[in-house]
Amino acid sequence: MTRRTCLLVAVAALALGAALASPASAADKINVLIIDGQNGHKWQATTPVIKEMLEKTGRFTVEVLTSPPKLDPKADDAAKKASADAWAKFKPDFSKYGAVLSNYFGQPWPEDVQKAFEKYMENGGGFVCYHFAVAAFKEWDAFNKMIGMGWKQPGFGEGLALDDSGKEVHRAKGEGAGGSHGAAHPFEIIVRDKDNPITKGMPDKWMHCSDELYGSLRGPCQNMHILATAFSVKDNDKQKPGTGMHEPIAWTVSYGKGRVFVSVLGHDVPETTAPGSVAFLTRGAEWAATGQVTIPLPADLK
């Protein structure tokens, strides 16, 4: 599938938002907070389409909180003070939301915000970690337990993938590669748990459009449940080196009383709005907030 075809499919997926609509009343709607503002990817483009896809289901009310920008290392004292003042105002009230979605990779959140988010999750909050947000906060232990594994160096922790038989294989801490991907390319997604509310009714397999296929992710790998994988071809191709394993691309993690859903699909707008990505993000957000899924699958997921 070419990138142009992928883009056309993505546009069609958003245009079919009505097909995703759930008959939820305003009283039933789930409040979602998207946090962005720093990221190595195009958060300015992907946050609006994620907000739109969630709202089109009729199930969510979505707010966006954008962090202060990254401080220039050469900033003068006035700029440093302005940045510190801006971060002092960055105080999300997580208790207002059924789920928080991170489209953020950047400097650490203030310690009081981290502690507030930990409390929110321990008390039953919902969290969705999207694509490169899995690279964030290597020094924040609780966050890394929440996401299970992320884009980190080999010595950061273990890794987890599936072999050809579907058996879980753990990568030892410090052995092999860390988080990586080859050139973007189309790949097949395989559902590994057909009974989970998020994946229930999904095709057993489907082709995802050209995207980054993450591999060799690292972390505590605790309380993880893999929902779907994609095979990372190992063919000695420098553009697509691969791992030779079925790499997790969507999974859940339990943290305290909270529910976490992770999807590493979605480098840019076409990849984020592809049918499978839409299904994972919308249904994953509902599950994270409620433990249940009522949002139907996109009609063009096949």
Protein backbone atom coordinates (compact mmCIF):
# COMPACT_ATOMS: atom_id res chain seq x y z
CA MET A 1 0.00 0.00 0.00
CA THR A 2 1.48 3.34 -1.01
CA ARG A 3 1.58 6.32 1.34
CA ARG A 4 -0.94 8.08 -0.93
CA THR A 5 -3.31 5.11 -0.69
CA CYS A 6 -2.78 5.03 3.05
CA LEU A 7 -3.68 8.72 3.27
CA LEU A 8 -6.85 8.19 1.24
CA VAL A 9 -7.87 5.32 3.50
CA ALA A 10 -7.17 7.45 6.55
CA VAL A 11 -9.33 10.29 5.23
CA ALA A 12 -12.11 7.82 4.51
CA ALA A 13 -11.84 6.45 8.03
CA LEU A 14 -12.41 9.89 9.53
CA ALA A 15 -15.19 10.62 7.06
CA LEU A 16 -16.94 7.51 8.27
CA GLY A 17 -17.01 8.85 11.81
CA ALA A 18 -20.77 8.45 11.86
CA ALA A 19 -20.29 4.71 11.47
CA LEU A 20 -18.35 4.73 14.72
CA ALA A 21 -21.04 6.67 16.57
CA SER A 22 -22.28 5.21 19.81
CA PRO A 23 -25.72 6.19 21.08
CA ALA A 24 -24.32 7.81 24.20
CA SER A 25 -26.10 10.75 25.76
CA ALA A 26 -24.23 13.73 27.15
CA ALA A 27 -24.60 12.24 30.62
CA ASP A 28 -22.86 9.08 29.44
CA LYS A 29 -19.89 10.82 27.91
CA ILE A 30 -16.40 10.13 29.19
CA ASN A 31 -14.12 13.07 29.83
CA VAL A 32 -10.71 12.53 28.24
CA LEU A 33 -7.61 14.68 28.63
CA ILE A 34 -4.96 14.61 25.89
CA ILE A 35 -1.55 15.86 27.02
CA ASP A 36 0.93 17.04 24.39
CA GLY A 37 3.36 19.91 23.86
CA GLN A 38 6.74 18.23 23.54
CA ASN A 39 7.46 15.25 21.31
CA GLY A 40 9.92 14.08 18.68
CA HIS A 41 6.90 13.51 16.43
CA LYS A 42 4.29 15.86 14.91
CA TRP A 43 2.02 16.25 17.93
CA GLN A 44 0.58 19.47 16.45
CA ALA A 45 -0.89 17.35 13.64
CA THR A 46 -1.79 14.12 15.45
CA THR A 47 -3.48 15.55 18.56
CA PRO A 48 -6.30 17.24 16.57
CA VAL A 49 -7.13 14.06 14.64
CA ILE A 50 -7.10 11.95 17.82
CA LYS A 51 -9.43 14.47 19.46
CA GLU A 52 -11.69 14.38 16.42
CA MET A 53 -11.83 10.59 16.20
CA LEU A 54 -12.69 10.28 19.89
CA GLU A 55 -15.41 12.92 19.74
CA LYS A 56 -16.95 11.44 16.58
CA THR A 57 -17.80 8.27 18.47
CA GLY A 58 -20.25 10.28 20.57
CA ARG A 59 -18.75 8.66 23.64
CA PHE A 60 -16.19 11.27 24.71
CA THR A 61 -15.72 14.88 25.64
CA VAL A 62 -12.09 15.75 24.95
CA GLU A 63 -9.85 18.48 26.32
CA VAL A 64 -6.24 19.13 25.35
CA LEU A 65 -3.52 20.32 27.71
CA THR A 66 -0.36 21.51 25.98
CA SER A 67 2.78 21.70 28.06
CA PRO A 68 5.24 24.58 27.99
CA PRO A 69 7.75 24.18 25.15
CA LYS A 70 11.16 22.66 25.63
CA LEU A 71 13.61 25.17 27.08
CA ASP A 72 16.52 26.10 24.84
CA PRO A 73 19.78 25.06 26.59
CA LYS A 74 21.16 28.49 25.68
CA ALA A 75 18.22 30.34 27.21
CA ASP A 76 18.96 33.40 29.28
CA ASP A 77 17.77 33.93 32.85
CA ALA A 78 14.57 35.66 31.75
CA ALA A 79 13.61 32.76 29.49
CA LYS A 80 14.39 30.26 32.24
CA LYS A 81 12.18 32.13 34.67
CA ALA A 82 9.36 32.32 32.12
CA SER A 83 9.63 28.57 31.54
CA ALA A 84 9.62 27.86 35.28
CA ASP A 85 6.53 30.07 35.72
CA ALA A 86 4.76 28.26 32.86
CA TRP A 87 5.51 24.85 34.35
CA ALA A 88 4.27 26.04 37.75
CA LYS A 89 0.87 26.58 36.08
CA PHE A 90 0.89 23.10 34.52
CA LYS A 91 -1.37 21.42 37.08
CA PRO A 92 -3.93 19.11 35.47
CA ASP A 93 -6.77 17.96 37.70
CA PHE A 94 -6.72 14.31 36.70
CA SER A 95 -9.75 13.52 38.87
CA LYS A 96 -11.97 15.25 36.27
CA TYR A 97 -11.21 12.65 33.60
CA GLY A 98 -12.17 9.08 32.91
CA ALA A 99 -9.01 8.66 30.87
CA VAL A 100 -5.80 10.52 30.09
CA LEU A 101 -4.13 10.06 26.69
CA SER A 102 -0.44 10.91 26.36
CA ASN A 103 0.95 12.29 23.11
CA TYR A 104 3.97 13.57 25.01
CA PHE A 105 7.69 12.91 25.00
CA GLY A 106 9.82 15.60 26.58
CA GLN A 107 11.15 16.97 29.83
CA PRO A 108 9.79 15.43 33.04
CA TRP A 109 6.50 16.71 34.40
CA PRO A 110 6.88 18.49 37.76
CA GLU A 111 7.12 16.10 40.69
CA ASP A 112 3.74 17.12 42.12
CA VAL A 113 2.09 16.36 38.76
CA GLN A 114 3.77 12.96 38.63
CA LYS A 115 2.56 12.14 42.15
CA ALA A 116 -0.95 13.32 41.31
CA PHE A 117 -1.02 11.10 38.22
CA GLU A 118 0.23 8.11 40.21
CA LYS A 119 -2.56 8.63 42.75
CA TYR A 120 -5.10 8.98 39.95
CA MET A 121 -4.05 5.66 38.44
CA GLU A 122 -3.77 3.85 41.78
CA ASN A 123 -7.34 4.90 42.54
CA GLY A 124 -8.75 3.53 39.28
CA GLY A 125 -7.93 6.03 36.54
CA GLY A 126 -7.58 5.24 32.85
CA PHE A 127 -4.49 5.86 30.75
CA VAL A 128 -3.82 5.57 27.02
CA CYS A 129 -0.20 5.75 25.86
CA TYR A 130 0.06 6.54 22.15
CA HIS A 131 3.03 5.78 19.86
CA PHE A 132 6.21 7.65 20.84
CA ALA A 133 4.84 8.55 24.27
CA VAL A 134 6.30 5.16 25.29
CA ALA A 135 9.73 6.81 25.07
CA ALA A 136 8.95 9.32 27.83
CA PHE A 137 10.10 9.59 31.43
CA LYS A 138 12.90 7.05 31.73
CA GLU A 139 13.56 8.26 35.30
CA TRP A 140 9.92 7.91 36.42
CA ASP A 141 9.57 4.38 37.80
CA ALA A 142 5.80 4.45 38.22
CA PHE A 143 5.22 5.59 34.63
CA ASN A 144 7.37 2.78 33.28
CA LYS A 145 5.44 0.26 35.36
CA MET A 146 2.23 1.72 33.95
CA ILE A 147 3.23 1.21 30.32
CA GLY A 148 5.00 -2.14 30.81
CA MET A 149 7.73 -1.42 28.30
CA GLY A 150 8.78 1.43 26.05
CA TRP A 151 11.38 2.95 23.76
CA LYS A 152 14.36 2.61 26.11
CA GLN A 153 17.97 1.38 26.01
CA PRO A 154 18.80 -2.36 26.48
CA GLY A 155 20.02 -1.84 30.04
CA PHE A 156 16.76 -0.19 31.06
CA GLY A 157 14.90 -3.46 31.53
CA GLU A 158 13.56 -6.64 30.01
CA GLY A 159 11.77 -6.98 26.71
CA LEU A 160 8.79 -9.04 25.62
CA ALA A 161 7.79 -10.49 22.25
CA LEU A 162 6.18 -13.64 20.83
CA ASP A 163 7.81 -16.43 18.85
CA ASP A 164 6.25 -18.15 15.82
CA SER A 165 4.25 -20.46 18.08
CA GLY A 166 2.72 -17.52 19.94
CA LYS A 167 4.74 -18.16 23.09
CA GLU A 168 5.98 -15.18 25.08
CA VAL A 169 9.74 -14.71 24.93
CA HIS A 170 11.48 -12.43 27.41
CA ARG A 171 14.59 -10.52 26.40
CA ALA A 172 17.06 -10.27 29.25
CA LYS A 173 17.96 -6.85 30.56
CA GLY A 174 21.10 -5.57 28.86
CA GLU A 175 21.12 -8.17 26.08
CA GLY A 176 20.43 -7.30 22.45
CA ALA A 177 19.04 -4.05 21.10
CA GLY A 178 16.90 -1.39 22.71
CA GLY A 179 13.84 0.32 21.27
CA SER A 180 14.15 0.58 17.49
CA HIS A 181 12.42 0.40 14.13
CA GLY A 182 13.44 0.16 10.52
CA ALA A 183 12.04 2.12 7.58
CA ALA A 184 8.28 2.55 7.62
CA HIS A 185 6.47 -0.17 5.67
CA PRO A 186 3.07 -1.90 5.56
CA PHE A 187 2.77 -4.84 7.93
CA GLU A 188 0.23 -7.41 9.04
CA ILE A 189 -1.34 -7.10 12.47
CA ILE A 190 -2.35 -10.30 14.27
CA VAL A 191 -4.89 -10.24 17.10
CA ARG A 192 -3.66 -12.40 19.97
CA ASP A 193 -6.64 -12.08 22.31
CA LYS A 194 -9.95 -12.24 20.46
CA ASP A 195 -12.02 -12.06 23.65
CA ASN A 196 -10.69 -8.86 25.16
CA PRO A 197 -13.29 -6.05 24.96
CA ILE A 198 -10.90 -3.89 22.91
CA THR A 199 -10.20 -6.51 20.24
CA LYS A 200 -13.49 -8.42 20.31
CA GLY A 201 -14.89 -8.61 16.79
CA MET A 202 -11.69 -7.48 15.10
CA PRO A 203 -10.44 -9.54 12.14
CA ASP A 204 -7.90 -12.18 13.10
CA LYS A 205 -5.40 -10.39 10.83
CA TRP A 206 -5.29 -7.28 8.69
CA MET A 207 -2.78 -5.16 6.79
CA HIS A 208 -1.85 -1.88 8.42
CA CYS A 209 -0.57 0.92 6.19
CA SER A 210 3.05 2.00 6.02
CA ASP A 211 4.10 2.77 9.58
CA GLU A 212 6.96 2.41 12.03
CA LEU A 213 7.07 -1.11 13.48
CA TYR A 214 8.55 -0.77 16.95
CA GLY A 215 10.70 -3.59 18.27
CA SER A 216 12.99 -4.46 21.18
CA LEU A 217 11.05 -2.26 23.61
CA ARG A 218 12.27 -2.36 27.21
CA GLY A 219 10.80 -1.99 30.68
CA PRO A 220 9.56 -3.79 33.78
CA CYS A 221 7.20 -5.90 31.60
CA GLN A 222 4.96 -6.48 34.63
CA ASN A 223 1.19 -7.06 34.52
CA MET A 224 1.20 -6.81 30.72
CA HIS A 225 -1.36 -8.49 28.49
CA ILE A 226 -0.57 -8.53 24.76
CA LEU A 227 -3.56 -7.88 22.49
CA ALA A 228 -1.95 -7.72 19.04
CA THR A 229 1.43 -8.16 17.38
CA ALA A 230 3.19 -7.61 14.07
CA PHE A 231 6.07 -9.67 12.72
CA SER A 232 9.33 -7.75 12.49
CA VAL A 233 11.14 -9.26 9.52
CA LYS A 234 14.81 -9.96 10.08
CA ASP A 235 16.32 -9.93 6.61
CA ASN A 236 19.63 -8.08 7.04
CA ASP A 237 18.12 -5.16 5.17
CA LYS A 238 19.56 -1.96 6.62
CA GLN A 239 16.31 -0.17 5.83
CA LYS A 240 14.20 -2.81 7.57
CA PRO A 241 16.49 -4.75 9.91
CA GLY A 242 13.77 -6.24 12.10
CA THR A 243 14.02 -8.57 15.08
CA GLY A 244 12.66 -11.83 13.69
CA MET A 245 9.97 -11.79 16.40
CA HIS A 246 6.28 -10.97 16.65
CA GLU A 247 6.48 -7.58 18.35
CA PRO A 248 3.63 -6.31 20.53
CA ILE A 249 1.88 -3.31 19.01
CA ALA A 250 -1.09 -3.12 21.41
CA TRP A 251 -1.34 -4.26 25.01
CA THR A 252 -2.90 -3.55 28.39
CA VAL A 253 -1.33 -3.13 31.81
CA SER A 254 -2.95 -3.13 35.24
CA TYR A 255 -1.59 -0.53 37.66
CA GLY A 256 -3.16 -0.31 41.09
CA LYS A 257 -6.89 -0.09 40.41
CA GLY A 258 -6.21 1.64 37.11
CA ARG A 259 -6.29 0.38 33.53
CA VAL A 260 -3.66 1.21 30.91
CA PHE A 261 -3.88 0.70 27.16
CA VAL A 262 -0.83 1.10 24.92
CA SER A 263 -0.77 1.34 21.12
CA VAL A 264 2.50 2.04 19.33
CA LEU A 265 0.86 2.54 15.93
CA GLY A 266 0.58 6.02 14.47
CA HIS A 267 3.73 7.90 13.48
CA ASP A 268 1.87 10.67 11.63
CA VAL A 269 -1.69 11.51 10.58
CA PRO A 270 -2.20 8.79 7.91
CA GLU A 271 -0.92 6.09 10.26
CA THR A 272 -2.91 7.41 13.22
CA THR A 273 -6.17 7.57 11.27
CA ALA A 274 -5.83 4.18 9.57
CA PRO A 275 -8.81 1.96 10.51
CA GLY A 276 -6.88 -0.28 12.92
CA SER A 277 -5.36 2.69 14.72
CA VAL A 278 -8.79 4.32 15.06
CA ALA A 279 -10.22 1.10 16.48
CA PHE A 280 -7.43 0.72 19.01
CA LEU A 281 -7.44 4.33 20.21
CA THR A 282 -11.21 4.78 20.49
CA ARG A 283 -11.97 1.38 22.00
CA GLY A 284 -8.81 1.44 24.11
CA ALA A 285 -9.78 4.81 25.59
CA GLU A 286 -13.27 3.58 26.45
CA TRP A 287 -11.89 0.43 28.03
CA ALA A 288 -9.28 2.36 30.02
CA ALA A 289 -12.01 4.59 31.42
CA THR A 290 -14.74 2.00 32.06
CA GLY A 291 -13.41 -1.54 31.64
CA GLN A 292 -15.99 -2.06 28.89
CA VAL A 293 -16.28 -1.29 25.17
CA THR A 294 -19.45 -0.20 23.36
CA ILE A 295 -17.85 1.60 20.41
CA PRO A 296 -18.29 -0.37 17.17
CA LEU A 297 -15.41 -1.17 14.89
CA PRO A 298 -14.78 0.97 11.79
CA ALA A 299 -16.65 -0.48 8.83
CA ASP A 300 -13.46 -0.53 6.76
CA LEU A 301 -11.36 -2.54 9.22
CA LYS A 302 -10.78 -5.77 7.33
